[in-house]
Amino acid sequence: MDETNEKSDVISMADSSVTLEDIEEELFKIERLRNVLVRRESELRYMMDDIQLCNEITRLKGELQKLVSNADKDKSEEDRTREEELLQQISKLVETRDFLVDDVEFERLREREEDREMAAVLQPKFQTTSGTKGALQEQKVVSKSPHTSAPFITKTGITLLKDCCGFTCSIM
């Protein structure tokens, strides 16, 4: 049996007009989209945690402010104990929030490094096939990808984390 007959006997699942490069390009785009979505999910979880921490800090500060506004001579031992407890709780929450901010920054730097590594791995591939339509489209995806997730983090996540709950936490 001759080799051309053997190839014609093989039935592919792919459309006959689809090339291997087309499939690789689409897989690459899907992988990048998945990475962007995973990063965004992580970022939203950080933001949700931050909002919850800020709300709790604000609530405790309000309670503490009521106790502190009373004159020392009018405070009971129970009020003084509660003030101390509130200060400790607020301190612990602020410490937790500081850890969260550090963790977000670490993640942002890790993602930036991942993007650099991905670009370095893909760069040789683009240089060898730079004349093809698929390679040019892939280059555009790579060049946009670091900017796709970064604005979410830099403009929403870190800004929100640094600002906490706005002026209410600025006195901490």
N, C-alpha and C. Protein backbone atom coordinates (compact mmCIF):
# COMPACT_ATOMS: atom_id res chain seq x y z
N MET A 1 0.84 -1.17 0.00
CA MET A 1 0.00 0.00 0.00
C MET A 1 0.89 1.24 0.00
N ASP A 2 0.56 2.19 -0.80
CA ASP A 2 1.42 3.35 -0.93
C ASP A 2 1.05 4.42 0.09
N GLU A 3 2.01 5.29 0.40
CA GLU A 3 1.89 6.23 1.51
C GLU A 3 0.72 7.20 1.32
N THR A 4 0.45 7.64 0.12
CA THR A 4 -0.66 8.57 -0.09
C THR A 4 -2.00 7.92 0.20
N ASN A 5 -2.13 6.63 -0.07
CA ASN A 5 -3.38 5.93 0.26
C ASN A 5 -3.55 5.82 1.77
N GLU A 6 -2.45 5.61 2.48
CA GLU A 6 -2.54 5.52 3.94
C GLU A 6 -3.01 6.83 4.53
N LYS A 7 -2.51 7.97 4.05
CA LYS A 7 -2.91 9.27 4.57
C LYS A 7 -4.37 9.55 4.29
N SER A 8 -4.86 9.14 3.15
CA SER A 8 -6.27 9.39 2.82
C SER A 8 -7.20 8.51 3.63
N ASP A 9 -6.70 7.42 4.19
CA ASP A 9 -7.52 6.55 5.02
C ASP A 9 -7.72 7.12 6.43
N VAL A 10 -6.87 8.08 6.84
CA VAL A 10 -6.96 8.67 8.16
C VAL A 10 -8.00 9.79 8.12
N ILE A 11 -8.94 9.73 9.03
CA ILE A 11 -9.98 10.74 9.10
C ILE A 11 -9.69 11.63 10.30
N SER A 12 -9.61 12.93 10.07
CA SER A 12 -9.32 13.88 11.13
C SER A 12 -10.61 14.48 11.67
N MET A 13 -10.60 14.81 12.95
CA MET A 13 -11.75 15.49 13.55
C MET A 13 -11.81 16.94 13.12
N ALA A 14 -10.67 17.50 12.74
CA ALA A 14 -10.59 18.91 12.38
C ALA A 14 -11.13 19.14 10.98
N ASP A 15 -11.67 20.30 10.78
CA ASP A 15 -12.10 20.73 9.46
C ASP A 15 -10.87 20.73 8.56
N SER A 16 -11.02 20.29 7.34
CA SER A 16 -9.86 20.16 6.45
C SER A 16 -9.21 21.50 6.15
N SER A 17 -9.92 22.62 6.35
CA SER A 17 -9.32 23.93 6.08
C SER A 17 -8.55 24.47 7.29
N VAL A 18 -8.67 23.81 8.43
CA VAL A 18 -7.98 24.26 9.64
C VAL A 18 -6.57 23.70 9.65
N THR A 19 -5.61 24.61 9.88
CA THR A 19 -4.22 24.17 9.93
C THR A 19 -3.80 23.96 11.38
N LEU A 20 -2.69 23.31 11.54
CA LEU A 20 -2.13 23.10 12.87
C LEU A 20 -1.83 24.45 13.53
N GLU A 21 -1.32 25.40 12.76
CA GLU A 21 -1.04 26.74 13.30
C GLU A 21 -2.32 27.42 13.79
N ASP A 22 -3.42 27.25 13.04
CA ASP A 22 -4.71 27.83 13.47
C ASP A 22 -5.15 27.25 14.81
N ILE A 23 -4.99 25.95 14.96
CA ILE A 23 -5.38 25.29 16.21
C ILE A 23 -4.49 25.76 17.36
N GLU A 24 -3.18 25.81 17.12
CA GLU A 24 -2.26 26.29 18.15
C GLU A 24 -2.58 27.72 18.54
N GLU A 25 -2.90 28.55 17.56
CA GLU A 25 -3.23 29.95 17.83
C GLU A 25 -4.48 30.05 18.70
N GLU A 26 -5.50 29.29 18.36
CA GLU A 26 -6.73 29.33 19.15
C GLU A 26 -6.49 28.79 20.56
N LEU A 27 -5.72 27.72 20.69
CA LEU A 27 -5.40 27.18 22.01
C LEU A 27 -4.64 28.21 22.84
N PHE A 28 -3.72 28.91 22.21
CA PHE A 28 -2.95 29.94 22.91
C PHE A 28 -3.88 31.04 23.40
N LYS A 29 -4.79 31.50 22.55
CA LYS A 29 -5.73 32.55 22.94
C LYS A 29 -6.60 32.10 24.11
N ILE A 30 -7.06 30.86 24.06
CA ILE A 30 -7.89 30.33 25.14
C ILE A 30 -7.09 30.26 26.43
N GLU A 31 -5.86 29.82 26.36
CA GLU A 31 -5.00 29.74 27.55
C GLU A 31 -4.77 31.13 28.15
N ARG A 32 -4.51 32.12 27.30
CA ARG A 32 -4.31 33.49 27.80
C ARG A 32 -5.59 34.02 28.45
N LEU A 33 -6.72 33.76 27.81
CA LEU A 33 -7.99 34.21 28.37
C LEU A 33 -8.24 33.54 29.72
N ARG A 34 -7.95 32.25 29.81
CA ARG A 34 -8.10 31.53 31.07
C ARG A 34 -7.22 32.16 32.16
N ASN A 35 -5.99 32.48 31.80
CA ASN A 35 -5.08 33.10 32.77
C ASN A 35 -5.60 34.46 33.23
N VAL A 36 -6.11 35.25 32.30
CA VAL A 36 -6.66 36.56 32.65
C VAL A 36 -7.85 36.39 33.58
N LEU A 37 -8.71 35.43 33.30
CA LEU A 37 -9.88 35.21 34.14
C LEU A 37 -9.51 34.70 35.53
N VAL A 38 -8.52 33.82 35.60
CA VAL A 38 -8.07 33.32 36.91
C VAL A 38 -7.47 34.47 37.72
N ARG A 39 -6.69 35.31 37.06
CA ARG A 39 -6.12 36.47 37.76
C ARG A 39 -7.21 37.41 38.24
N ARG A 40 -8.19 37.66 37.40
CA ARG A 40 -9.27 38.56 37.78
C ARG A 40 -10.08 37.98 38.94
N GLU A 41 -10.32 36.68 38.91
CA GLU A 41 -11.04 36.03 40.02
C GLU A 41 -10.27 36.22 41.32
N SER A 42 -8.97 36.00 41.27
CA SER A 42 -8.13 36.16 42.45
C SER A 42 -8.19 37.60 42.95
N GLU A 43 -8.10 38.53 42.04
CA GLU A 43 -8.15 39.94 42.39
C GLU A 43 -9.49 40.30 43.04
N LEU A 44 -10.57 39.80 42.49
CA LEU A 44 -11.88 40.09 43.06
C LEU A 44 -12.02 39.50 44.46
N ARG A 45 -11.43 38.35 44.68
CA ARG A 45 -11.45 37.76 46.03
C ARG A 45 -10.68 38.63 47.02
N TYR A 46 -9.52 39.14 46.59
CA TYR A 46 -8.77 40.06 47.45
C TYR A 46 -9.61 41.30 47.76
N MET A 47 -10.25 41.83 46.74
CA MET A 47 -11.06 43.03 46.94
C MET A 47 -12.21 42.76 47.89
N MET A 48 -12.85 41.60 47.75
CA MET A 48 -13.95 41.24 48.63
C MET A 48 -13.46 41.14 50.07
N ASP A 49 -12.33 40.49 50.27
CA ASP A 49 -11.75 40.38 51.62
C ASP A 49 -11.43 41.76 52.17
N ASP A 50 -10.88 42.62 51.33
CA ASP A 50 -10.52 43.96 51.76
C ASP A 50 -11.76 44.75 52.19
N ILE A 51 -12.81 44.66 51.40
CA ILE A 51 -14.04 45.38 51.74
C ILE A 51 -14.60 44.88 53.07
N GLN A 52 -14.59 43.57 53.26
CA GLN A 52 -15.09 43.02 54.52
C GLN A 52 -14.25 43.48 55.70
N LEU A 53 -12.93 43.49 55.53
CA LEU A 53 -12.05 43.97 56.60
C LEU A 53 -12.30 45.45 56.89
N CYS A 54 -12.41 46.25 55.85
CA CYS A 54 -12.66 47.68 56.04
C CYS A 54 -13.99 47.94 56.73
N ASN A 55 -15.01 47.19 56.34
CA ASN A 55 -16.32 47.35 56.99
C ASN A 55 -16.24 47.01 58.47
N GLU A 56 -15.53 45.94 58.79
CA GLU A 56 -15.40 45.54 60.20
C GLU A 56 -14.57 46.57 60.97
N ILE A 57 -13.49 47.05 60.37
CA ILE A 57 -12.67 48.08 61.02
C ILE A 57 -13.51 49.32 61.28
N THR A 58 -14.28 49.73 60.29
CA THR A 58 -15.13 50.92 60.43
C THR A 58 -16.17 50.73 61.53
N ARG A 59 -16.77 49.56 61.58
CA ARG A 59 -17.77 49.28 62.61
C ARG A 59 -17.14 49.35 64.01
N LEU A 60 -15.98 48.71 64.15
CA LEU A 60 -15.30 48.72 65.45
C LEU A 60 -14.84 50.12 65.84
N LYS A 61 -14.37 50.89 64.86
CA LYS A 61 -13.95 52.25 65.14
C LYS A 61 -15.12 53.11 65.62
N GLY A 62 -16.28 52.89 65.01
CA GLY A 62 -17.47 53.62 65.44
C GLY A 62 -17.83 53.31 66.88
N GLU A 63 -17.76 52.03 67.21
CA GLU A 63 -18.04 51.62 68.58
C GLU A 63 -17.01 52.20 69.54
N LEU A 64 -15.75 52.16 69.13
CA LEU A 64 -14.68 52.71 69.97
C LEU A 64 -14.85 54.22 70.14
N GLN A 65 -15.22 54.91 69.07
CA GLN A 65 -15.40 56.35 69.14
C GLN A 65 -16.47 56.73 70.16
N LYS A 66 -17.54 55.94 70.22
CA LYS A 66 -18.60 56.21 71.21
C LYS A 66 -18.05 56.07 72.63
N LEU A 67 -17.24 55.04 72.84
CA LEU A 67 -16.67 54.84 74.18
C LEU A 67 -15.66 55.92 74.53
N VAL A 68 -14.84 56.29 73.58
CA VAL A 68 -13.80 57.28 73.82
C VAL A 68 -14.38 58.67 74.05
N SER A 69 -15.54 58.92 73.45
CA SER A 69 -16.15 60.26 73.59
C SER A 69 -16.64 60.53 75.01
N ASN A 70 -16.82 59.48 75.79
CA ASN A 70 -17.21 59.67 77.19
C ASN A 70 -16.00 60.14 78.00
N ALA A 71 -16.26 60.97 78.96
CA ALA A 71 -15.19 61.45 79.84
C ALA A 71 -14.66 60.28 80.66
N ASP A 72 -13.34 60.31 80.94
CA ASP A 72 -12.70 59.22 81.68
C ASP A 72 -13.35 58.99 83.05
N LYS A 73 -13.77 60.07 83.70
CA LYS A 73 -14.36 59.92 85.03
C LYS A 73 -15.72 59.22 84.99
N ASP A 74 -16.39 59.27 83.80
CA ASP A 74 -17.70 58.65 83.65
C ASP A 74 -17.63 57.20 83.17
N LYS A 75 -16.44 56.72 82.85
CA LYS A 75 -16.30 55.37 82.29
C LYS A 75 -16.25 54.32 83.40
N SER A 76 -16.95 53.23 83.13
CA SER A 76 -16.90 52.10 84.06
C SER A 76 -15.69 51.24 83.70
N GLU A 77 -15.39 50.30 84.58
CA GLU A 77 -14.29 49.37 84.30
C GLU A 77 -14.62 48.54 83.07
N GLU A 78 -15.89 48.23 82.91
CA GLU A 78 -16.34 47.48 81.73
C GLU A 78 -16.10 48.28 80.45
N ASP A 79 -16.33 49.60 80.49
CA ASP A 79 -16.07 50.46 79.32
C ASP A 79 -14.58 50.47 78.98
N ARG A 80 -13.74 50.57 79.99
CA ARG A 80 -12.28 50.59 79.76
C ARG A 80 -11.81 49.25 79.16
N THR A 81 -12.36 48.17 79.69
CA THR A 81 -12.02 46.84 79.18
C THR A 81 -12.47 46.71 77.72
N ARG A 82 -13.67 47.20 77.45
CA ARG A 82 -14.19 47.12 76.07
C ARG A 82 -13.34 47.97 75.13
N GLU A 83 -12.91 49.14 75.56
CA GLU A 83 -12.02 49.99 74.75
C GLU A 83 -10.75 49.23 74.38
N GLU A 84 -10.17 48.59 75.37
CA GLU A 84 -8.93 47.83 75.14
C GLU A 84 -9.18 46.68 74.16
N GLU A 85 -10.30 45.98 74.33
CA GLU A 85 -10.64 44.88 73.42
C GLU A 85 -10.81 45.40 71.99
N LEU A 86 -11.52 46.52 71.86
CA LEU A 86 -11.73 47.10 70.54
C LEU A 86 -10.42 47.51 69.88
N LEU A 87 -9.54 48.11 70.66
CA LEU A 87 -8.23 48.50 70.12
C LEU A 87 -7.44 47.28 69.64
N GLN A 88 -7.50 46.21 70.41
CA GLN A 88 -6.81 44.98 70.01
C GLN A 88 -7.43 44.37 68.75
N GLN A 89 -8.75 44.37 68.69
CA GLN A 89 -9.42 43.83 67.50
C GLN A 89 -9.10 44.66 66.25
N ILE A 90 -9.16 45.97 66.41
CA ILE A 90 -8.84 46.86 65.28
C ILE A 90 -7.40 46.65 64.84
N SER A 91 -6.50 46.57 65.82
CA SER A 91 -5.09 46.35 65.50
C SER A 91 -4.89 45.05 64.73
N LYS A 92 -5.56 44.01 65.17
CA LYS A 92 -5.44 42.71 64.51
C LYS A 92 -5.99 42.77 63.08
N LEU A 93 -7.12 43.45 62.90
CA LEU A 93 -7.70 43.57 61.56
C LEU A 93 -6.81 44.40 60.63
N VAL A 94 -6.23 45.46 61.17
CA VAL A 94 -5.32 46.29 60.37
C VAL A 94 -4.09 45.47 59.97
N GLU A 95 -3.59 44.67 60.89
CA GLU A 95 -2.45 43.80 60.59
C GLU A 95 -2.82 42.78 59.50
N THR A 96 -4.01 42.21 59.60
CA THR A 96 -4.50 41.27 58.59
C THR A 96 -4.61 41.96 57.24
N ARG A 97 -5.11 43.16 57.25
CA ARG A 97 -5.25 43.94 56.01
C ARG A 97 -3.90 44.29 55.41
N ASP A 98 -2.93 44.62 56.25
CA ASP A 98 -1.57 44.89 55.76
C ASP A 98 -1.00 43.66 55.08
N PHE A 99 -1.24 42.50 55.67
CA PHE A 99 -0.79 41.26 55.06
C PHE A 99 -1.46 41.07 53.70
N LEU A 100 -2.74 41.36 53.63
CA LEU A 100 -3.49 41.25 52.37
C LEU A 100 -2.90 42.17 51.30
N VAL A 101 -2.58 43.39 51.66
CA VAL A 101 -1.98 44.33 50.70
C VAL A 101 -0.63 43.79 50.22
N ASP A 102 0.17 43.29 51.14
CA ASP A 102 1.47 42.71 50.76
C ASP A 102 1.28 41.52 49.83
N ASP A 103 0.28 40.70 50.12
CA ASP A 103 0.02 39.53 49.30
C ASP A 103 -0.42 39.93 47.89
N VAL A 104 -1.25 40.96 47.78
CA VAL A 104 -1.68 41.45 46.46
C VAL A 104 -0.47 41.95 45.68
N GLU A 105 0.39 42.67 46.32
CA GLU A 105 1.59 43.19 45.63
C GLU A 105 2.49 42.04 45.18
N PHE A 106 2.65 41.03 46.04
CA PHE A 106 3.44 39.87 45.67
C PHE A 106 2.84 39.17 44.45
N GLU A 107 1.53 39.00 44.44
CA GLU A 107 0.84 38.37 43.31
C GLU A 107 1.03 39.17 42.03
N ARG A 108 0.92 40.48 42.14
CA ARG A 108 1.09 41.35 40.98
C ARG A 108 2.49 41.19 40.40
N LEU A 109 3.50 41.16 41.24
CA LEU A 109 4.87 40.98 40.78
C LEU A 109 5.08 39.59 40.18
N ARG A 110 4.47 38.57 40.80
CA ARG A 110 4.58 37.21 40.27
C ARG A 110 3.93 37.12 38.89
N GLU A 111 2.79 37.74 38.73
CA GLU A 111 2.10 37.72 37.44
C GLU A 111 2.91 38.46 36.37
N ARG A 112 3.51 39.56 36.76
CA ARG A 112 4.34 40.31 35.81
C ARG A 112 5.52 39.44 35.36
N GLU A 113 6.12 38.71 36.30
CA GLU A 113 7.24 37.82 35.95
C GLU A 113 6.76 36.68 35.05
N GLU A 114 5.59 36.13 35.34
CA GLU A 114 5.02 35.09 34.47
C GLU A 114 4.82 35.61 33.06
N ASP A 115 4.33 36.84 32.94
CA ASP A 115 4.13 37.44 31.62
C ASP A 115 5.45 37.60 30.88
N ARG A 116 6.48 38.02 31.59
CA ARG A 116 7.81 38.16 30.96
C ARG A 116 8.33 36.80 30.48
N GLU A 117 8.18 35.79 31.33
CA GLU A 117 8.64 34.45 30.96
C GLU A 117 7.88 33.93 29.75
N MET A 118 6.57 34.14 29.74
CA MET A 118 5.76 33.70 28.61
C MET A 118 6.20 34.41 27.33
N ALA A 119 6.43 35.70 27.40
CA ALA A 119 6.87 36.46 26.23
C ALA A 119 8.23 35.96 25.75
N ALA A 120 9.13 35.64 26.68
CA ALA A 120 10.46 35.14 26.31
C ALA A 120 10.37 33.78 25.63
N VAL A 121 9.47 32.93 26.09
CA VAL A 121 9.30 31.61 25.49
C VAL A 121 8.69 31.74 24.10
N LEU A 122 7.74 32.64 23.96
CA LEU A 122 7.03 32.77 22.68
C LEU A 122 7.78 33.61 21.66
N GLN A 123 8.68 34.46 22.09
CA GLN A 123 9.41 35.35 21.17
C GLN A 123 10.11 34.59 20.05
N PRO A 124 10.87 33.52 20.32
CA PRO A 124 11.52 32.80 19.22
C PRO A 124 10.51 32.25 18.21
N LYS A 125 9.37 31.80 18.69
CA LYS A 125 8.35 31.27 17.80
C LYS A 125 7.83 32.35 16.86
N PHE A 126 7.65 33.55 17.38
CA PHE A 126 7.14 34.64 16.57
C PHE A 126 8.17 35.13 15.56
N GLN A 127 9.43 35.06 15.94
CA GLN A 127 10.48 35.50 15.02
C GLN A 127 10.59 34.55 13.83
N THR A 128 10.40 33.25 14.04
CA THR A 128 10.53 32.29 12.95
C THR A 128 9.32 32.30 12.04
N THR A 129 8.14 32.65 12.56
CA THR A 129 6.94 32.65 11.73
C THR A 129 6.32 34.04 11.65
N SER A 130 7.13 35.07 11.76
CA SER A 130 6.59 36.42 11.83
C SER A 130 5.89 36.85 10.56
N GLY A 131 6.08 36.15 9.46
CA GLY A 131 5.41 36.51 8.22
C GLY A 131 3.99 36.01 8.15
N THR A 132 3.58 35.14 9.04
CA THR A 132 2.24 34.58 8.95
C THR A 132 1.24 35.40 9.73
N LYS A 133 0.00 35.34 9.29
CA LYS A 133 -1.08 36.07 9.95
C LYS A 133 -1.25 35.62 11.40
N GLY A 134 -1.20 34.32 11.64
CA GLY A 134 -1.39 33.77 12.98
C GLY A 134 -0.36 34.27 13.96
N ALA A 135 0.88 34.34 13.54
CA ALA A 135 1.95 34.79 14.43
C ALA A 135 1.77 36.25 14.80
N LEU A 136 1.34 37.05 13.82
CA LEU A 136 1.12 38.46 14.13
C LEU A 136 -0.03 38.64 15.11
N GLN A 137 -1.07 37.86 14.95
CA GLN A 137 -2.19 37.95 15.88
C GLN A 137 -1.76 37.49 17.27
N GLU A 138 -0.94 36.45 17.35
CA GLU A 138 -0.46 35.97 18.65
C GLU A 138 0.40 37.04 19.31
N GLN A 139 1.24 37.74 18.52
CA GLN A 139 2.08 38.79 19.09
C GLN A 139 1.21 39.87 19.70
N LYS A 140 0.13 40.22 19.03
CA LYS A 140 -0.76 41.23 19.57
C LYS A 140 -1.36 40.77 20.89
N VAL A 141 -1.73 39.51 21.00
CA VAL A 141 -2.29 38.98 22.24
C VAL A 141 -1.25 39.07 23.35
N VAL A 142 -0.01 38.67 23.05
CA VAL A 142 1.04 38.71 24.07
C VAL A 142 1.31 40.15 24.49
N SER A 143 1.38 41.06 23.53
CA SER A 143 1.70 42.43 23.89
C SER A 143 0.57 43.08 24.69
N LYS A 144 -0.67 42.65 24.47
CA LYS A 144 -1.78 43.21 25.22
C LYS A 144 -1.97 42.53 26.56
N SER A 145 -1.57 41.28 26.68
CA SER A 145 -1.89 40.51 27.87
C SER A 145 -1.38 41.11 29.17
N PRO A 146 -0.13 41.64 29.23
CA PRO A 146 0.26 42.22 30.51
C PRO A 146 -0.60 43.41 30.88
N HIS A 147 -1.09 44.13 29.87
CA HIS A 147 -1.91 45.29 30.15
C HIS A 147 -3.35 44.90 30.42
N THR A 148 -3.73 43.72 30.04
CA THR A 148 -5.10 43.28 30.24
C THR A 148 -5.41 43.11 31.72
N SER A 149 -4.52 42.44 32.45
CA SER A 149 -4.80 42.22 33.87
C SER A 149 -4.23 43.32 34.75
N ALA A 150 -3.16 43.96 34.33
CA ALA A 150 -2.52 44.96 35.18
C ALA A 150 -3.43 46.12 35.55
N PRO A 151 -4.20 46.71 34.62
CA PRO A 151 -5.04 47.82 35.04
C PRO A 151 -6.06 47.42 36.09
N PHE A 152 -6.55 46.18 36.03
CA PHE A 152 -7.49 45.75 37.05
C PHE A 152 -6.84 45.83 38.42
N ILE A 153 -5.61 45.35 38.50
CA ILE A 153 -4.94 45.33 39.79
C ILE A 153 -4.51 46.73 40.19
N THR A 154 -3.85 47.44 39.29
CA THR A 154 -3.31 48.73 39.68
C THR A 154 -4.39 49.78 39.89
N LYS A 155 -5.48 49.73 39.12
CA LYS A 155 -6.49 50.78 39.25
C LYS A 155 -7.61 50.41 40.19
N THR A 156 -7.88 49.14 40.39
CA THR A 156 -8.96 48.80 41.31
C THR A 156 -8.42 48.13 42.56
N GLY A 157 -7.71 47.05 42.40
CA GLY A 157 -7.27 46.26 43.54
C GLY A 157 -6.37 47.01 44.49
N ILE A 158 -5.22 47.43 44.00
CA ILE A 158 -4.26 48.07 44.90
C ILE A 158 -4.78 49.43 45.35
N THR A 159 -5.43 50.19 44.47
CA THR A 159 -5.98 51.47 44.89
C THR A 159 -6.99 51.24 46.00
N LEU A 160 -7.87 50.28 45.80
CA LEU A 160 -8.86 49.98 46.83
C LEU A 160 -8.19 49.52 48.11
N LEU A 161 -7.19 48.67 47.97
CA LEU A 161 -6.52 48.16 49.16
C LEU A 161 -5.78 49.26 49.89
N LYS A 162 -5.10 50.13 49.15
CA LYS A 162 -4.35 51.20 49.81
C LYS A 162 -5.29 52.23 50.43
N ASP A 163 -6.38 52.51 49.73
CA ASP A 163 -7.32 53.51 50.23
C ASP A 163 -8.19 52.95 51.34
N CYS A 164 -8.23 51.63 51.43
CA CYS A 164 -9.07 50.95 52.41
C CYS A 164 -10.50 51.41 52.22
N CYS A 165 -11.11 51.89 53.26
CA CYS A 165 -12.50 52.34 53.09
C CYS A 165 -12.55 53.85 53.08
N GLY A 166 -11.53 54.44 52.48
CA GLY A 166 -11.53 55.88 52.30
C GLY A 166 -11.16 56.63 53.56
N PHE A 167 -11.80 57.77 53.75
CA PHE A 167 -11.45 58.64 54.87
C PHE A 167 -11.70 58.00 56.21
N THR A 168 -12.59 56.98 56.28
CA THR A 168 -12.91 56.40 57.57
C THR A 168 -11.72 55.66 58.16
N CYS A 169 -10.84 55.11 57.30
CA CYS A 169 -9.68 54.38 57.82
C CYS A 169 -8.40 55.21 57.76
N SER A 170 -8.50 56.41 57.26
CA SER A 170 -7.28 57.19 57.10
C SER A 170 -6.68 57.62 58.43
N ILE A 171 -7.44 57.54 59.50
CA ILE A 171 -6.89 57.93 60.79
C ILE A 171 -6.10 56.82 61.44
N MET A 172 -6.09 55.64 60.85
CA MET A 172 -5.35 54.52 61.44
C MET A 172 -3.87 54.74 61.33
